[in-house]
C-alpha atoms as a PDB file:
ATOM      1  CA  MET A   1     108.124  68.735  23.450  1.00  0.00           C
ATOM      2  CA  GLU A   2     104.779  67.370  22.297  1.00  0.00           C
ATOM      3  CA  LEU A   3     101.987  69.970  22.388  1.00  0.00           C
ATOM      4  CA  VAL A   4      98.286  69.234  21.911  1.00  0.00           C
ATOM      5  CA  VAL A   5      95.846  72.121  21.518  1.00  0.00           C
ATOM      6  CA  VAL A   6      92.294  71.096  22.409  1.00  0.00           C
ATOM      7  CA  THR A   7      89.510  73.306  21.110  1.00  0.00           C
ATOM      8  CA  GLY A   8      86.004  73.058  19.704  1.00  0.00           C
ATOM      9  CA  LEU A   9      82.394  73.636  20.570  1.00  0.00           C
ATOM     10  CA  SER A  10      81.172  74.130  24.104  1.00  0.00           C
ATOM     11  CA  GLY A  11      79.558  70.912  25.292  1.00  0.00           C
ATOM     12  CA  ALA A  12      81.428  68.738  22.788  1.00  0.00           C
ATOM     13  CA  GLY A  13      83.646  67.104  25.406  1.00  0.00           C
ATOM     14  CA  LYS A  14      86.755  69.244  25.821  1.00  0.00           C
ATOM     15  CA  THR A  15      86.803  68.598  29.576  1.00  0.00           C
ATOM     16  CA  GLN A  16      86.732  64.840  29.048  1.00  0.00           C
ATOM     17  CA  ALA A  17      89.456  65.131  26.423  1.00  0.00           C
ATOM     18  CA  ILE A  18      91.804  67.145  28.635  1.00  0.00           C
ATOM     19  CA  HIS A  19      91.235  64.735  31.527  1.00  0.00           C
ATOM     20  CA  ALA A  20      92.093  61.828  29.238  1.00  0.00           C
ATOM     21  CA  LEU A  21      95.299  63.546  28.141  1.00  0.00           C
ATOM     22  CA  GLU A  22      96.187  64.238  31.771  1.00  0.00           C
ATOM     23  CA  ASP A  23      95.755  60.525  32.503  1.00  0.00           C
ATOM     24  CA  LEU A  24      98.177  59.815  29.644  1.00  0.00           C
ATOM     25  CA  GLY A  25     100.866  61.884  31.325  1.00  0.00           C
ATOM     26  CA  PHE A  26     100.318  65.278  29.709  1.00  0.00           C
ATOM     27  CA  PHE A  27     100.750  68.488  31.705  1.00  0.00           C
ATOM     28  CA  CYS A  28      97.389  70.184  31.111  1.00  0.00           C
ATOM     29  CA  VAL A  29      96.185  73.791  31.229  1.00  0.00           C
ATOM     30  CA  ASP A  30      92.515  74.642  30.747  1.00  0.00           C
ATOM     31  CA  ASN A  31      91.233  77.896  29.205  1.00  0.00           C
ATOM     32  CA  LEU A  32      94.664  79.289  28.343  1.00  0.00           C
ATOM     33  CA  PRO A  33      94.505  82.791  26.798  1.00  0.00           C
ATOM     34  CA  PRO A  34      95.947  82.512  23.257  1.00  0.00           C
ATOM     35  CA  ALA A  35      98.420  85.338  23.892  1.00  0.00           C
ATOM     36  CA  LEU A  36     100.087  83.129  26.508  1.00  0.00           C
ATOM     37  CA  LEU A  37     100.413  80.087  24.245  1.00  0.00           C
ATOM     38  CA  ALA A  38     103.798  80.929  22.695  1.00  0.00           C
ATOM     39  CA  PRO A  39     105.408  82.059  25.995  1.00  0.00           C
ATOM     40  CA  PHE A  40     104.062  78.946  27.698  1.00  0.00           C
ATOM     41  CA  ALA A  41     105.440  76.722  24.926  1.00  0.00           C
ATOM     42  CA  ALA A  42     108.815  78.458  25.202  1.00  0.00           C
ATOM     43  CA  LEU A  43     108.830  77.801  28.959  1.00  0.00           C
ATOM     44  CA  CYS A  44     108.090  74.103  28.420  1.00  0.00           C
ATOM     45  CA  ARG A  45     110.818  73.810  25.773  1.00  0.00           C
ATOM     46  CA  GLN A  46     113.576  74.969  28.105  1.00  0.00           C
ATOM     47  CA  ALA A  47     116.278  72.407  28.744  1.00  0.00           C
ATOM     48  CA  ASP A  48     115.445  72.147  32.450  1.00  0.00           C
ATOM     49  CA  SER A  49     111.673  71.901  31.925  1.00  0.00           C
ATOM     50  CA  PRO A  50     110.090  69.031  33.898  1.00  0.00           C
ATOM     51  CA  VAL A  51     107.433  68.421  31.238  1.00  0.00           C
ATOM     52  CA  ARG A  52     107.707  67.119  27.694  1.00  0.00           C
ATOM     53  CA  ARG A  53     104.052  66.386  26.905  1.00  0.00           C
ATOM     54  CA  VAL A  54     101.730  69.371  27.184  1.00  0.00           C
ATOM     55  CA  ALA A  55      98.037  69.896  26.409  1.00  0.00           C
ATOM     56  CA  VAL A  56      96.111  73.166  26.514  1.00  0.00           C
ATOM     57  CA  VAL A  57      92.476  74.071  26.011  1.00  0.00           C
ATOM     58  CA  MET A  58      91.663  77.269  24.112  1.00  0.00           C
ATOM     59  CA  ASP A  59      88.051  78.142  23.389  1.00  0.00           C
ATOM     60  CA  VAL A  60      85.486  80.936  23.362  1.00  0.00           C
ATOM     61  CA  ARG A  61      85.493  81.187  27.139  1.00  0.00           C
ATOM     62  CA  GLY A  62      88.497  83.414  26.551  1.00  0.00           C
ATOM     63  CA  GLY A  63      86.179  86.157  25.293  1.00  0.00           C
ATOM     64  CA  ASP A  64      87.855  88.761  23.101  1.00  0.00           C
ATOM     65  CA  TRP A  65      91.245  87.178  23.867  1.00  0.00           C
ATOM     66  CA  PHE A  66      90.170  84.123  21.884  1.00  0.00           C
ATOM     67  CA  ASP A  67      90.246  86.136  18.666  1.00  0.00           C
ATOM     68  CA  GLN A  68      94.056  85.918  18.876  1.00  0.00           C
ATOM     69  CA  ALA A  69      94.032  82.109  18.626  1.00  0.00           C
ATOM     70  CA  VAL A  70      95.063  81.809  14.971  1.00  0.00           C
ATOM     71  CA  GLU A  71      97.764  84.427  15.438  1.00  0.00           C
ATOM     72  CA  ALA A  72      99.073  82.495  18.467  1.00  0.00           C
ATOM     73  CA  LEU A  73      99.313  79.304  16.409  1.00  0.00           C
ATOM     74  CA  GLN A  74     101.141  81.154  13.655  1.00  0.00           C
ATOM     75  CA  GLU A  75     103.623  82.324  16.276  1.00  0.00           C
ATOM     76  CA  LEU A  76     104.222  78.685  17.207  1.00  0.00           C
ATOM     77  CA  ASP A  77     104.829  77.910  13.536  1.00  0.00           C
ATOM     78  CA  ARG A  78     107.453  80.643  13.295  1.00  0.00           C
ATOM     79  CA  ALA A  79     109.151  79.334  16.441  1.00  0.00           C
ATOM     80  CA  GLY A  80     109.286  75.795  15.069  1.00  0.00           C
ATOM     81  CA  VAL A  81     107.106  74.323  17.796  1.00  0.00           C
ATOM     82  CA  PHE A  82     105.595  70.926  16.965  1.00  0.00           C
ATOM     83  CA  TYR A  83     101.906  70.828  17.864  1.00  0.00           C
ATOM     84  CA  ARG A  84      98.660  69.123  16.957  1.00  0.00           C
ATOM     85  CA  ILE A  85      95.132  70.555  17.152  1.00  0.00           C
ATOM     86  CA  VAL A  86      92.217  68.349  18.137  1.00  0.00           C
ATOM     87  CA  PHE A  87      88.841  69.916  17.400  1.00  0.00           C
ATOM     88  CA  LEU A  88      85.722  68.562  19.118  1.00  0.00           C
ATOM     89  CA  GLU A  89      82.271  69.115  17.719  1.00  0.00           C
ATOM     90  CA  ALA A  90      78.767  67.653  17.892  1.00  0.00           C
ATOM     91  CA  SER A  91      75.389  68.172  16.294  1.00  0.00           C
ATOM     92  CA  ASP A  92      73.192  71.090  17.359  1.00  0.00           C
ATOM     93  CA  GLU A  93      70.643  68.665  18.778  1.00  0.00           C
ATOM     94  CA  THR A  94      73.273  66.886  20.870  1.00  0.00           C
ATOM     95  CA  LEU A  95      74.716  70.123  22.220  1.00  0.00           C
ATOM     96  CA  VAL A  96      71.285  71.483  23.124  1.00  0.00           C
ATOM     97  CA  LYS A  97      70.492  68.268  24.983  1.00  0.00           C
ATOM     98  CA  ARG A  98      73.793  68.333  26.882  1.00  0.00           C
ATOM     99  CA  PHE A  99      73.363  71.948  27.962  1.00  0.00           C
ATOM    100  CA  LYS A 100      69.835  71.286  29.151  1.00  0.00           C
ATOM    101  CA  GLU A 101      70.983  68.249  31.127  1.00  0.00           C
ATOM    102  CA  THR A 102      73.816  70.124  32.850  1.00  0.00           C
ATOM    103  CA  ARG A 103      71.826  73.403  33.171  1.00  0.00           C
ATOM    104  CA  ARG A 104      74.929  75.374  32.295  1.00  0.00           C
ATOM    105  CA  ARG A 105      74.842  78.570  30.253  1.00  0.00           C
ATOM    106  CA  HIS A 106      76.437  78.662  26.850  1.00  0.00           C
ATOM    107  CA  PRO A 107      79.305  81.213  26.815  1.00  0.00           C
ATOM    108  CA  LEU A 108      77.858  82.916  23.722  1.00  0.00           C
ATOM    109  CA  ALA A 109      74.254  82.752  24.868  1.00  0.00           C
ATOM    110  CA  PRO A 110      74.158  84.713  28.126  1.00  0.00           C
ATOM    111  CA  GLN A 111      70.484  85.542  27.594  1.00  0.00           C
ATOM    112  CA  GLY A 112      69.580  81.875  27.241  1.00  0.00           C
ATOM    113  CA  ARG A 113      69.183  81.695  23.450  1.00  0.00           C
ATOM    114  CA  LEU A 114      71.065  78.437  23.311  1.00  0.00           C
ATOM    115  CA  LEU A 115      70.773  77.511  19.653  1.00  0.00           C
ATOM    116  CA  GLU A 116      71.852  80.983  18.563  1.00  0.00           C
ATOM    117  CA  GLY A 117      74.896  80.717  20.809  1.00  0.00           C
ATOM    118  CA  ILE A 118      75.856  77.348  19.348  1.00  0.00           C
ATOM    119  CA  ARG A 119      75.601  78.637  15.791  1.00  0.00           C
ATOM    120  CA  ALA A 120      77.585  81.769  16.620  1.00  0.00           C
ATOM    121  CA  GLU A 121      80.289  79.608  18.177  1.00  0.00           C
ATOM    122  CA  ARG A 122      80.517  77.400  15.069  1.00  0.00           C
ATOM    123  CA  GLN A 123      81.099  80.457  12.948  1.00  0.00           C
ATOM    124  CA  ARG A 124      83.679  81.885  15.324  1.00  0.00           C
ATOM    125  CA  LEU A 125      85.591  78.601  15.413  1.00  0.00           C
ATOM    126  CA  GLY A 126      85.665  78.135  11.645  1.00  0.00           C
ATOM    127  CA  ALA A 127      89.290  79.200  11.191  1.00  0.00           C
ATOM    128  CA  LEU A 128      90.537  76.902  13.949  1.00  0.00           C
ATOM    129  CA  ARG A 129      88.545  73.974  12.589  1.00  0.00           C
ATOM    130  CA  GLY A 130      90.222  74.508   9.249  1.00  0.00           C
ATOM    131  CA  ARG A 131      93.650  74.180  10.902  1.00  0.00           C
ATOM    132  CA  ALA A 132      92.762  71.115  12.995  1.00  0.00           C
ATOM    133  CA  HIS A 133      94.793  67.939  12.611  1.00  0.00           C
ATOM    134  CA  VAL A 134      92.075  65.796  14.203  1.00  0.00           C
ATOM    135  CA  ILE A 135      88.331  66.492  14.156  1.00  0.00           C
ATOM    136  CA  LEU A 136      86.178  64.381  16.469  1.00  0.00           C
ATOM    137  CA  ASP A 137      82.392  64.382  16.265  1.00  0.00           C
ATOM    138  CA  THR A 138      81.275  63.358  19.746  1.00  0.00           C
ATOM    139  CA  SER A 139      77.538  63.269  19.019  1.00  0.00           C
ATOM    140  CA  GLU A 140      77.393  59.499  19.404  1.00  0.00           C
ATOM    141  CA  LEU A 141      80.251  59.096  21.867  1.00  0.00           C
ATOM    142  CA  SER A 142      79.849  58.535  25.586  1.00  0.00           C
ATOM    143  CA  PRO A 143      82.412  60.201  27.867  1.00  0.00           C
ATOM    144  CA  LYS A 144      84.120  56.829  28.265  1.00  0.00           C
ATOM    145  CA  GLN A 145      84.280  56.299  24.509  1.00  0.00           C
ATOM    146  CA  LEU A 146      85.739  59.768  23.986  1.00  0.00           C
ATOM    147  CA  ARG A 147      88.450  59.114  26.552  1.00  0.00           C
ATOM    148  CA  GLU A 148      89.253  55.852  24.819  1.00  0.00           C
ATOM    149  CA  ARG A 149      89.477  57.610  21.460  1.00  0.00           C
ATOM    150  CA  ILE A 150      91.873  60.188  22.870  1.00  0.00           C
ATOM    151  CA  ALA A 151      93.968  57.415  24.419  1.00  0.00           C
ATOM    152  CA  GLN A 152      94.162  55.627  21.068  1.00  0.00           C
ATOM    153  CA  LEU A 153      95.391  58.804  19.381  1.00  0.00           C
ATOM    154  CA  TRP A 154      97.973  59.943  21.927  1.00  0.00           C
ATOM    155  CA  SER A 155      99.126  56.968  23.924  1.00  0.00           C
ATOM    156  CA  GLY A 156     102.634  55.863  23.060  1.00  0.00           C
ATOM    157  CA  PRO A 157     105.424  53.647  24.346  1.00  0.00           C
ATOM    158  CA  GLU A 158     106.585  56.421  26.682  1.00  0.00           C
ATOM    159  CA  THR A 159     103.110  56.876  28.160  1.00  0.00           C
ATOM    160  CA  PRO A 160     102.592  55.400  31.650  1.00  0.00           C
ATOM    161  CA  ARG A 161     100.150  52.537  31.283  1.00  0.00           C
ATOM    162  CA  LEU A 162      98.946  52.670  34.855  1.00  0.00           C
ATOM    163  CA  ILE A 163      98.349  55.509  37.281  1.00  0.00           C
ATOM    164  CA  ALA A 164      98.796  54.710  40.964  1.00  0.00           C
ATOM    165  CA  HIS A 165      96.253  56.757  42.921  1.00  0.00           C
ATOM    166  CA  LEU A 166      97.323  56.779  46.572  1.00  0.00           C
ATOM    167  CA  VAL A 167      94.753  57.952  49.116  1.00  0.00           C
ATOM    168  CA  SER A 168      95.213  58.489  52.822  1.00  0.00           C
ATOM    169  CA  PHE A 169      91.984  58.391  54.823  1.00  0.00           C
ATOM    170  CA  GLY A 170      90.480  58.080  58.286  1.00  0.00           C
ATOM    171  CA  PHE A 171      88.498  54.953  59.139  1.00  0.00           C
ATOM    172  CA  ARG A 172      86.294  57.251  61.213  1.00  0.00           C
ATOM    173  CA  TYR A 173      84.950  58.697  57.977  1.00  0.00           C
ATOM    174  CA  GLY A 174      84.542  55.453  56.059  1.00  0.00           C
ATOM    175  CA  LEU A 175      86.477  53.614  53.359  1.00  0.00           C
ATOM    176  CA  PRO A 176      87.154  55.272  49.995  1.00  0.00           C
ATOM    177  CA  ALA A 177      84.473  53.872  47.723  1.00  0.00           C
ATOM    178  CA  ASP A 178      86.819  53.363  44.762  1.00  0.00           C
ATOM    179  CA  ALA A 179      89.714  51.693  46.613  1.00  0.00           C
ATOM    180  CA  ASP A 180      91.266  48.620  44.985  1.00  0.00           C
ATOM    181  CA  LEU A 181      93.607  47.922  47.901  1.00  0.00           C
ATOM    182  CA  VAL A 182      93.153  49.025  51.533  1.00  0.00           C
ATOM    183  CA  PHE A 183      95.878  48.989  54.186  1.00  0.00           C
ATOM    184  CA  ASP A 184      95.169  49.616  57.862  1.00  0.00           C
ATOM    185  CA  VAL A 185      98.010  51.346  59.754  1.00  0.00           C
ATOM    186  CA  ARG A 186      96.134  51.990  63.004  1.00  0.00           C
ATOM    187  CA  PHE A 187      98.482  49.604  64.857  1.00  0.00           C
ATOM    188  CA  LEU A 188     101.348  52.110  64.544  1.00  0.00           C
ATOM    189  CA  PRO A 189     102.097  54.479  67.462  1.00  0.00           C
ATOM    190  CA  ASN A 190      99.789  57.473  67.167  1.00  0.00           C
ATOM    191  CA  PRO A 191     101.244  61.026  67.056  1.00  0.00           C
ATOM    192  CA  HIS A 192      97.853  62.241  68.288  1.00  0.00           C
ATOM    193  CA  TYR A 193      98.997  61.398  71.822  1.00  0.00           C
ATOM    194  CA  VAL A 194     102.165  63.503  71.528  1.00  0.00           C
ATOM    195  CA  PRO A 195     101.113  67.071  72.480  1.00  0.00           C
ATOM    196  CA  ASP A 196     103.614  68.808  70.188  1.00  0.00           C
ATOM    197  CA  LEU A 197     102.588  66.646  67.213  1.00  0.00           C
ATOM    198  CA  GLN A 198      98.845  66.520  67.768  1.00  0.00           C
ATOM    199  CA  PRO A 199      97.988  69.726  65.827  1.00  0.00           C
ATOM    200  CA  LEU A 200     100.290  68.801  62.909  1.00  0.00           C
ATOM    201  CA  THR A 201      99.744  66.477  59.950  1.00  0.00           C
ATOM    202  CA  GLY A 202     101.724  63.698  58.349  1.00  0.00           C
ATOM    203  CA  LEU A 203     103.108  66.229  55.879  1.00  0.00           C
ATOM    204  CA  ASP A 204     105.197  67.779  58.647  1.00  0.00           C
ATOM    205  CA  ASP A 205     108.761  66.451  58.961  1.00  0.00           C
ATOM    206  CA  ARG A 206     108.415  66.057  62.734  1.00  0.00           C
ATOM    207  CA  VAL A 207     105.405  63.780  62.352  1.00  0.00           C
ATOM    208  CA  ARG A 208     107.084  61.805  59.565  1.00  0.00           C
ATOM    209  CA  GLU A 209     110.184  61.267  61.709  1.00  0.00           C
ATOM    210  CA  TYR A 210     108.073  60.181  64.670  1.00  0.00           C
ATOM    211  CA  VAL A 211     106.040  57.655  62.682  1.00  0.00           C
ATOM    212  CA  LEU A 212     109.030  56.160  60.871  1.00  0.00           C
ATOM    213  CA  ARG A 213     111.236  55.955  63.959  1.00  0.00           C
ATOM    214  CA  TRP A 214     109.426  52.778  65.021  1.00  0.00           C
ATOM    215  CA  PRO A 215     110.718  49.433  63.660  1.00  0.00           C
ATOM    216  CA  SER A 216     107.139  48.297  63.013  1.00  0.00           C
ATOM    217  CA  ALA A 217     106.545  51.285  60.708  1.00  0.00           C
ATOM    218  CA  ARG A 218     109.776  50.766  58.777  1.00  0.00           C
ATOM    219  CA  ARG A 219     109.030  47.042  58.390  1.00  0.00           C
ATOM    220  CA  LEU A 220     105.489  47.805  57.230  1.00  0.00           C
ATOM    221  CA  LEU A 221     106.715  50.337  54.686  1.00  0.00           C
ATOM    222  CA  GLN A 222     109.288  47.922  53.300  1.00  0.00           C
ATOM    223  CA  GLN A 223     106.734  45.147  52.895  1.00  0.00           C
ATOM    224  CA  LEU A 224     104.163  47.443  51.273  1.00  0.00           C
ATOM    225  CA  GLN A 225     106.789  48.654  48.818  1.00  0.00           C
ATOM    226  CA  GLU A 226     107.718  45.100  47.938  1.00  0.00           C
ATOM    227  CA  LEU A 227     104.054  44.148  47.555  1.00  0.00           C
ATOM    228  CA  LEU A 228     103.327  47.059  45.208  1.00  0.00           C
ATOM    229  CA  ASP A 229     106.506  46.366  43.250  1.00  0.00           C
ATOM    230  CA  PHE A 230     105.095  42.900  42.607  1.00  0.00           C
ATOM    231  CA  LEU A 231     101.471  43.881  42.021  1.00  0.00           C
ATOM    232  CA  LEU A 232     101.778  46.858  39.670  1.00  0.00           C
ATOM    233  CA  PRO A 233     103.416  44.918  36.809  1.00  0.00           C
ATOM    234  CA  GLN A 234     100.709  42.263  37.165  1.00  0.00           C
ATOM    235  CA  TYR A 235      97.950  44.875  36.892  1.00  0.00           C
ATOM    236  CA  ILE A 236      99.725  46.485  33.942  1.00  0.00           C
ATOM    237  CA  ASN A 237      99.873  43.136  32.153  1.00  0.00           C
ATOM    238  CA  GLU A 238      96.116  42.796  32.653  1.00  0.00           C
ATOM    239  CA  GLY A 239      95.552  46.202  31.027  1.00  0.00           C
ATOM    240  CA  LYS A 240      94.505  48.069  34.181  1.00  0.00           C
ATOM    241  CA  THR A 241      94.990  51.836  33.780  1.00  0.00           C
ATOM    242  CA  GLN A 242      94.433  53.037  37.362  1.00  0.00           C
ATOM    243  CA  LEU A 243      95.018  51.430  40.728  1.00  0.00           C
ATOM    244  CA  THR A 244      93.645  53.109  43.852  1.00  0.00           C
ATOM    245  CA  VAL A 245      95.591  52.252  46.988  1.00  0.00           C
ATOM    246  CA  ALA A 246      94.035  53.477  50.238  1.00  0.00           C
ATOM    247  CA  VAL A 247      96.002  53.760  53.489  1.00  0.00           C
ATOM    248  CA  GLY A 248      93.933  54.381  56.612  1.00  0.00           C
ATOM    249  CA  CYS A 249      94.458  55.355  60.216  1.00  0.00           C
ATOM    250  CA  THR A 250      91.901  56.560  62.756  1.00  0.00           C
ATOM    251  CA  GLY A 251      91.425  60.146  61.592  1.00  0.00           C
ATOM    252  CA  GLY A 252      93.500  60.301  58.410  1.00  0.00           C
ATOM    253  CA  GLN A 253      95.718  63.065  59.772  1.00  0.00           C
ATOM    254  CA  HIS A 254      99.047  61.547  60.822  1.00  0.00           C
ATOM    255  CA  ARG A 255     100.058  57.922  60.245  1.00  0.00           C
ATOM    256  CA  SER A 256      98.209  57.241  57.003  1.00  0.00           C
ATOM    257  CA  VAL A 257      99.534  60.468  55.480  1.00  0.00           C
ATOM    258  CA  VAL A 258     103.142  59.576  56.327  1.00  0.00           C
ATOM    259  CA  ILE A 259     102.904  56.059  54.880  1.00  0.00           C
ATOM    260  CA  THR A 260     101.068  57.295  51.778  1.00  0.00           C
ATOM    261  CA  GLU A 261     103.720  59.919  51.055  1.00  0.00           C
ATOM    262  CA  ALA A 262     106.498  57.369  51.517  1.00  0.00           C
ATOM    263  CA  LEU A 263     104.815  54.899  49.145  1.00  0.00           C
ATOM    264  CA  ALA A 264     104.270  57.644  46.584  1.00  0.00           C
ATOM    265  CA  ALA A 265     107.949  58.602  46.651  1.00  0.00           C
ATOM    266  CA  HIS A 266     108.946  54.965  46.197  1.00  0.00           C
ATOM    267  CA  LEU A 267     106.630  54.396  43.235  1.00  0.00           C
ATOM    268  CA  ARG A 268     107.778  57.595  41.550  1.00  0.00           C
ATOM    269  CA  ASN A 269     111.355  56.382  41.885  1.00  0.00           C
ATOM    270  CA  GLN A 270     110.264  53.186  40.137  1.00  0.00           C
ATOM    271  CA  GLY A 271     109.021  55.246  37.193  1.00  0.00           C
ATOM    272  CA  HIS A 272     105.279  55.020  37.866  1.00  0.00           C
ATOM    273  CA  ARG A 273     102.868  57.898  37.451  1.00  0.00           C
ATOM    274  CA  VAL A 274     101.454  58.697  40.895  1.00  0.00           C
ATOM    275  CA  LEU A 275      98.543  60.797  42.089  1.00  0.00           C
ATOM    276  CA  VAL A 276      98.280  61.505  45.827  1.00  0.00           C
ATOM    277  CA  GLU A 277      95.181  62.513  47.768  1.00  0.00           C
ATOM    278  CA  HIS A 278      94.913  63.116  51.511  1.00  0.00           C
ATOM    279  CA  ARG A 279      91.175  62.804  51.801  1.00  0.00           C
ATOM    280  CA  ASP A 280      90.501  63.489  55.477  1.00  0.00           C
ATOM    281  CA  VAL A 281      93.287  65.749  56.732  1.00  0.00           C
ATOM    282  CA  GLU A 282      91.162  68.902  56.826  1.00  0.00           C
ATOM    283  CA  ARG A 283      88.169  67.076  58.269  1.00  0.00           C
ATOM    284  CA  SER A 284      90.297  65.515  61.004  1.00  0.00           C
ATOM    285  CA  LEU A 285      91.832  68.876  61.921  1.00  0.00           C
ATOM    286  CA  ALA A 286      88.358  70.385  62.152  1.00  0.00           C
ATOM    287  CA  ASP A 287      87.158  67.550  64.391  1.00  0.00           C
ATOM    288  CA  ARG A 288      90.231  67.899  66.580  1.00  0.00           C
ATOM    289  CA  GLY A 289      89.327  71.552  67.044  1.00  0.00           C
ATOM    290  CA  ARG A 290      85.930  70.396  68.283  1.00  0.00           C
ATOM    291  CA  GLY A 291      87.543  68.019  70.764  1.00  0.00           C
ATOM    292  CA  LYS A 292      87.222  64.673  68.962  1.00  0.00           C
ATOM    293  CA  ARG A 293      90.055  62.168  69.287  1.00  0.00           C
ATOM    294  CA  GLY A 294      92.358  61.427  66.318  1.00  0.00           C
END
């Protein structure tokens, strides 16, 4: 198991860092109480654990629990757990500017004395900074640059180089703005017109069986699988790190959900990292309740 502990100053970019690690295939937990670190690591090290790359964020949001952070790391040492600490920091001026831009309260400055909170946090984090394997000053880094830095440090040959983001949607609600590829499945028979299936979604086995019973649906699915099997290696060779594939039907409740789930299962079987989003299922169900057609 590879374990990365992300910590550092509030406003220094821990959220961006953990998102970058998640994109690299890490299983991520934010704001983990230090007392749970060793038990969590033990869980991930079990022979049947589905994860081998893990990242956690521990910081002063944990309140008094955070004071156990060094002790928790020492417990990992005694257990022989391999881990690396990445510590994020920035100048006082940069942190003040970021907090003012986001209008968020500093966890150690509940009364609004921002600079005092930042300085108190630096002092409280001193021991962890001293144990850090990597210290990143993000004062001059944009969020994109920080993500790139994290990727340079923790990407490896086993890391998926492309994430396939599959989105089901309803054309009624507009195209996903970030879609790279869009497929229209509105020509397939619509479960909306089957009374028993109308209130269900494409996640229900009965809807899935209905949609895929038609030769046109099975032929479509086969051809989309073959197309993606061809395209993904081409995108990978060009250095693309995320591909958003959108599958749309009228309301985004039935047909597009079934096809999206089937494509996701296929790509996972091919070894790709897949994220699935069913954008309009809840909205379509709500509209159906108001009498709109799906």
